[in-house]
Amino acid sequence: MSHLPPEICDHIVDLLHGEPETLKACCLVSKSWVSCARNHLFGEVAFRSLNDLKAWEETFPDPANSPACHTRSLFIACAQDIPTAVVGEGSWIDEFSSVVRLSVLSAHEACSASQLIKLVCSLPLLEDLDVAGQVVDDHKDDGTITQFPTSPPLTGTLKLDLVQGIEAITRQLLELPNGIHFRMLKFKWYLGRDDPRWTVATMEACSGTLESIDINSTKLCEFCPFSFYGPTVGLHLRLHQGIREWVR
């Protein structure tokens, strides 16, 4: 194996992407295989509790040797602990510089909208954002957004499946320095808890890039001027029956 061209060795390791134990063994066999094996071992990272996060920090105390740079998809299920986990420069999140997809779950306790936005802005290549559960509206003029001179591209999918908090998240996303450019919006929304005008504003902010809208809401039509989306070539509206009838 050591006499094979590097690209052949990388291809062999790629074929083992679904075999984590074998990939770990590859890391022990040859130092040259470590980077390729880590791409698969750490391509997706999940923190399901604050203990998981602490264990990560203890296992990889040196950012220079952390495998976080290989992570493309990050899942956080301890969203209520984000305020204590993110402390600014030098925090664990800064190591995840290659993440393009962030999924956050706050099933039992609500997380803070401003802390969620800090997470978003700490991931320079982020394209897709998926938030489920509950989000607390703690918006205030505390300089949260202005702390970040730039923001990630956000060109993929924004998926929000929330009991409450869509208004809180969308309002702060609209304040990001580089704006939002999502191609797909997927909202599951419990009306009555949030102001639908912020959902409308989000769609309008993405009107130049938007290709697909999937909104689980039967009442949004009375607030939203969907008609100007109708002639857009390639735009797919997959909405509730009431909204489709309203568009027609």
Protein backbone atom coordinates (compact mmCIF):
# COMPACT_ATOMS: atom_id res chain seq x y z
CA MET A 1 0.00 0.00 0.00
CA SER A 2 2.82 2.41 0.83
CA HIS A 3 4.11 2.10 -2.75
CA LEU A 4 0.78 2.98 -4.34
CA PRO A 5 0.18 6.50 -5.70
CA PRO A 6 -1.47 8.81 -3.13
CA GLU A 7 -4.64 9.15 -5.20
CA ILE A 8 -5.08 5.36 -5.21
CA CYS A 9 -4.64 5.21 -1.44
CA ASP A 10 -7.19 8.00 -1.03
CA HIS A 11 -9.63 6.16 -3.28
CA ILE A 12 -9.26 2.99 -1.22
CA VAL A 13 -9.97 4.93 1.97
CA ASP A 14 -12.97 6.58 0.29
CA LEU A 15 -14.41 3.14 -0.42
CA LEU A 16 -14.34 2.48 3.33
CA HIS A 17 -16.47 5.53 4.18
CA GLY A 18 -19.13 3.39 5.87
CA GLU A 19 -16.68 1.39 7.99
CA PRO A 20 -15.63 3.61 10.92
CA GLU A 21 -13.63 0.92 12.73
CA THR A 22 -11.64 0.17 9.57
CA LEU A 23 -11.06 3.88 9.02
CA LYS A 24 -9.70 4.20 12.55
CA ALA A 25 -7.32 1.33 11.80
CA CYS A 26 -6.19 3.14 8.64
CA CYS A 27 -5.24 6.15 10.76
CA LEU A 28 -2.95 3.89 12.81
CA VAL A 29 -1.35 2.22 9.79
CA SER A 30 -0.08 5.30 7.98
CA LYS A 31 0.13 8.98 8.86
CA SER A 32 -0.55 9.84 5.21
CA TRP A 33 -3.99 8.24 5.50
CA VAL A 34 -5.08 10.24 8.52
CA SER A 35 -6.49 13.27 6.71
CA CYS A 36 -8.53 11.24 4.21
CA ALA A 37 -9.85 8.91 6.91
CA ARG A 38 -10.80 11.85 9.12
CA ASN A 39 -12.84 13.33 6.26
CA HIS A 40 -15.17 10.36 6.64
CA LEU A 41 -14.89 9.79 10.38
CA PHE A 42 -15.67 13.40 11.24
CA GLY A 43 -17.67 14.49 8.17
CA GLU A 44 -20.76 14.53 10.41
CA VAL A 45 -20.50 15.47 14.09
CA ALA A 46 -23.35 15.41 16.61
CA PHE A 47 -23.44 16.95 20.08
CA ARG A 48 -26.49 15.44 21.76
CA SER A 49 -25.70 16.79 25.22
CA LEU A 50 -23.39 19.25 26.91
CA ASN A 51 -21.37 16.24 28.08
CA ASP A 52 -20.70 15.36 24.44
CA LEU A 53 -19.37 18.85 23.86
CA LYS A 54 -17.17 18.72 26.97
CA ALA A 55 -15.84 15.32 25.91
CA TRP A 56 -14.92 16.76 22.50
CA GLU A 57 -13.02 19.64 24.10
CA GLU A 58 -11.18 17.26 26.42
CA THR A 59 -10.30 14.87 23.58
CA PHE A 60 -9.12 17.61 21.23
CA PRO A 61 -7.79 20.43 23.45
CA ASP A 62 -5.43 21.70 20.73
CA PRO A 63 -7.35 23.39 17.87
CA ALA A 64 -4.38 22.81 15.55
CA ASN A 65 -4.84 19.04 15.86
CA SER A 66 -8.63 19.02 15.99
CA PRO A 67 -10.49 17.03 13.30
CA ALA A 68 -13.26 19.66 13.33
CA CYS A 69 -11.92 21.12 10.08
CA HIS A 70 -13.15 17.95 8.32
CA THR A 71 -16.75 18.38 9.52
CA ARG A 72 -19.31 19.37 6.90
CA SER A 73 -22.49 18.67 8.85
CA LEU A 74 -22.93 19.69 12.51
CA PHE A 75 -25.88 18.62 14.68
CA ILE A 76 -26.51 20.18 18.10
CA ALA A 77 -29.24 18.73 20.31
CA CYS A 78 -28.18 20.60 23.45
CA ALA A 79 -29.34 23.96 22.13
CA GLN A 80 -30.43 25.15 25.56
CA ASP A 81 -26.77 24.97 26.62
CA ILE A 82 -25.48 27.10 23.75
CA PRO A 83 -25.20 30.26 25.92
CA THR A 84 -22.64 28.53 28.15
CA ALA A 85 -20.91 26.78 25.28
CA VAL A 86 -20.24 29.71 22.98
CA VAL A 87 -18.03 32.33 24.54
CA GLY A 88 -16.61 34.16 21.55
CA GLU A 89 -13.08 34.00 20.15
CA GLY A 90 -11.25 30.79 20.80
CA SER A 91 -14.41 28.79 21.50
CA TRP A 92 -14.98 25.28 20.22
CA ILE A 93 -17.24 26.44 17.38
CA ASP A 94 -14.38 28.31 15.69
CA GLU A 95 -12.73 24.97 14.91
CA PHE A 96 -15.63 23.92 12.65
CA SER A 97 -14.60 26.18 9.78
CA SER A 98 -15.78 23.85 6.98
CA VAL A 99 -19.36 23.25 8.13
CA VAL A 100 -21.94 23.85 5.40
CA ARG A 101 -24.97 22.40 7.22
CA LEU A 102 -26.07 23.21 10.78
CA SER A 103 -28.96 21.41 12.49
CA VAL A 104 -30.14 22.59 15.91
CA LEU A 105 -32.72 20.84 18.09
CA SER A 106 -34.22 22.34 21.24
CA ALA A 107 -36.86 19.78 22.12
CA HIS A 108 -37.29 20.22 25.88
CA GLU A 109 -35.98 23.71 26.57
CA ALA A 110 -36.01 26.72 24.26
CA CYS A 111 -32.73 28.12 23.00
CA SER A 112 -31.91 31.79 22.56
CA ALA A 113 -32.37 33.35 19.13
CA SER A 114 -29.33 35.61 19.55
CA GLN A 115 -27.11 32.68 20.55
CA LEU A 116 -28.37 30.76 17.54
CA ILE A 117 -27.39 33.65 15.28
CA LYS A 118 -23.94 33.72 16.90
CA LEU A 119 -23.58 30.06 15.98
CA VAL A 120 -24.61 30.83 12.41
CA CYS A 121 -22.13 33.70 12.08
CA SER A 122 -19.33 31.57 13.53
CA LEU A 123 -19.53 29.15 10.57
CA PRO A 124 -18.08 31.03 7.57
CA LEU A 125 -19.12 28.48 4.91
CA LEU A 126 -22.62 27.72 6.21
CA GLU A 127 -25.24 27.17 3.50
CA ASP A 128 -28.05 25.16 5.13
CA LEU A 129 -29.75 25.89 8.46
CA ASP A 130 -32.24 23.50 10.09
CA VAL A 131 -33.82 24.47 13.43
CA ALA A 132 -36.46 22.45 15.28
CA GLY A 133 -38.18 22.79 18.65
CA GLN A 134 -38.50 26.12 20.44
CA VAL A 135 -36.61 29.39 20.20
CA VAL A 136 -36.85 32.24 22.72
CA ASP A 137 -37.26 35.73 21.30
CA ASP A 138 -34.56 37.66 23.18
CA HIS A 139 -34.01 40.29 20.49
CA LYS A 140 -32.62 43.52 21.82
CA ASP A 141 -30.15 46.13 20.68
CA ASP A 142 -27.12 44.51 22.30
CA GLY A 143 -24.84 44.59 19.27
CA THR A 144 -25.15 40.85 18.64
CA ILE A 145 -25.24 41.22 14.86
CA THR A 146 -22.69 44.05 14.68
CA GLN A 147 -20.13 41.81 16.39
CA PHE A 148 -19.75 40.08 13.04
CA PRO A 149 -18.41 42.16 10.12
CA THR A 150 -19.45 39.40 7.73
CA SER A 151 -21.85 36.46 7.64
CA PRO A 152 -21.95 33.06 5.90
CA PRO A 153 -23.30 32.60 2.35
CA LEU A 154 -26.62 30.94 3.39
CA THR A 155 -27.37 29.85 -0.16
CA GLY A 156 -28.98 26.46 0.50
CA THR A 157 -32.03 25.55 2.58
CA LEU A 158 -33.60 27.27 5.58
CA LYS A 159 -35.77 24.75 7.42
CA LEU A 160 -37.68 25.84 10.52
CA ASP A 161 -39.96 23.40 12.36
CA LEU A 162 -40.85 25.26 15.52
CA VAL A 163 -43.54 25.48 18.16
CA GLN A 164 -42.46 29.09 18.55
CA GLY A 165 -39.60 31.25 17.40
CA ILE A 166 -39.82 31.56 13.61
CA GLU A 167 -40.35 35.29 13.99
CA ALA A 168 -37.35 35.57 16.34
CA ILE A 169 -35.01 33.72 13.98
CA THR A 170 -36.10 35.31 10.71
CA ARG A 171 -35.95 38.83 12.15
CA GLN A 172 -32.30 38.38 13.13
CA LEU A 173 -31.38 36.55 9.93
CA LEU A 174 -32.64 39.56 7.98
CA GLU A 175 -30.14 41.74 9.87
CA LEU A 176 -27.07 39.74 8.85
CA PRO A 177 -24.36 41.83 7.14
CA ASN A 178 -24.32 39.80 3.92
CA GLY A 179 -28.06 39.14 3.82
CA ILE A 180 -29.71 35.78 3.11
CA HIS A 181 -29.79 34.02 -0.25
CA PHE A 182 -31.57 30.73 0.39
CA ARG A 183 -32.77 28.68 -2.57
CA MET A 184 -35.29 26.72 -0.50
CA LEU A 185 -37.52 27.69 2.44
CA LYS A 186 -39.25 24.96 4.45
CA PHE A 187 -41.34 26.27 7.36
CA LYS A 188 -43.62 24.26 9.60
CA TRP A 189 -45.40 26.95 11.48
CA TYR A 190 -47.89 27.11 14.31
CA LEU A 191 -49.67 30.38 13.57
CA GLY A 192 -50.86 32.55 16.42
CA ARG A 193 -47.51 32.48 18.19
CA ASP A 194 -45.49 34.39 15.57
CA ASP A 195 -46.11 37.35 13.30
CA PRO A 196 -46.37 35.99 9.72
CA ARG A 197 -45.06 39.24 8.27
CA TRP A 198 -41.51 38.15 9.12
CA THR A 199 -41.99 35.01 7.04
CA VAL A 200 -43.13 37.19 4.16
CA ALA A 201 -40.09 39.44 4.62
CA THR A 202 -37.82 36.38 4.52
CA MET A 203 -39.30 35.25 1.21
CA GLU A 204 -38.95 38.72 -0.24
CA ALA A 205 -35.31 38.93 0.91
CA CYS A 206 -34.59 35.66 -0.94
CA SER A 207 -36.66 36.49 -4.01
CA GLY A 208 -33.57 36.72 -6.23
CA THR A 209 -32.42 33.18 -5.42
CA LEU A 210 -35.56 31.38 -4.22
CA GLU A 211 -36.44 28.19 -6.12
CA SER A 212 -38.69 26.28 -3.73
CA ILE A 213 -41.11 27.19 -0.95
CA ASP A 214 -42.68 24.63 1.36
CA ILE A 215 -44.76 26.26 4.09
CA ASN A 216 -47.02 24.24 6.36
CA SER A 217 -49.56 26.94 7.08
CA THR A 218 -53.19 27.36 6.12
CA LYS A 219 -53.56 31.03 7.07
CA LEU A 220 -50.43 32.68 5.72
CA CYS A 221 -52.13 33.48 2.40
CA GLU A 222 -53.99 36.42 3.89
CA PHE A 223 -50.67 38.10 4.69
CA CYS A 224 -48.48 37.05 1.77
CA PRO A 225 -48.48 38.53 -1.76
CA PHE A 226 -47.55 35.24 -3.44
CA SER A 227 -48.85 36.39 -6.81
CA PHE A 228 -45.59 38.04 -7.84
CA TYR A 229 -43.83 34.67 -7.54
CA GLY A 230 -46.20 33.03 -10.02
CA PRO A 231 -44.43 33.97 -13.30
CA THR A 232 -40.97 33.12 -11.95
CA VAL A 233 -39.44 30.41 -14.14
CA GLY A 234 -38.62 27.22 -12.27
CA LEU A 235 -40.19 28.30 -9.00
CA HIS A 236 -41.93 25.43 -7.25
CA LEU A 237 -44.64 26.26 -4.74
CA ARG A 238 -45.45 23.23 -2.60
CA LEU A 239 -47.87 24.75 -0.14
CA HIS A 240 -51.12 23.96 1.59
CA GLN A 241 -54.23 23.77 -0.55
CA GLY A 242 -55.55 27.11 0.67
CA ILE A 243 -52.47 28.98 -0.45
CA ARG A 244 -52.37 27.28 -3.84
CA GLU A 245 -55.96 28.29 -4.44
CA TRP A 246 -55.17 31.80 -3.30
CA VAL A 247 -52.25 31.98 -5.76
CA ARG A 248 -54.45 30.89 -8.63
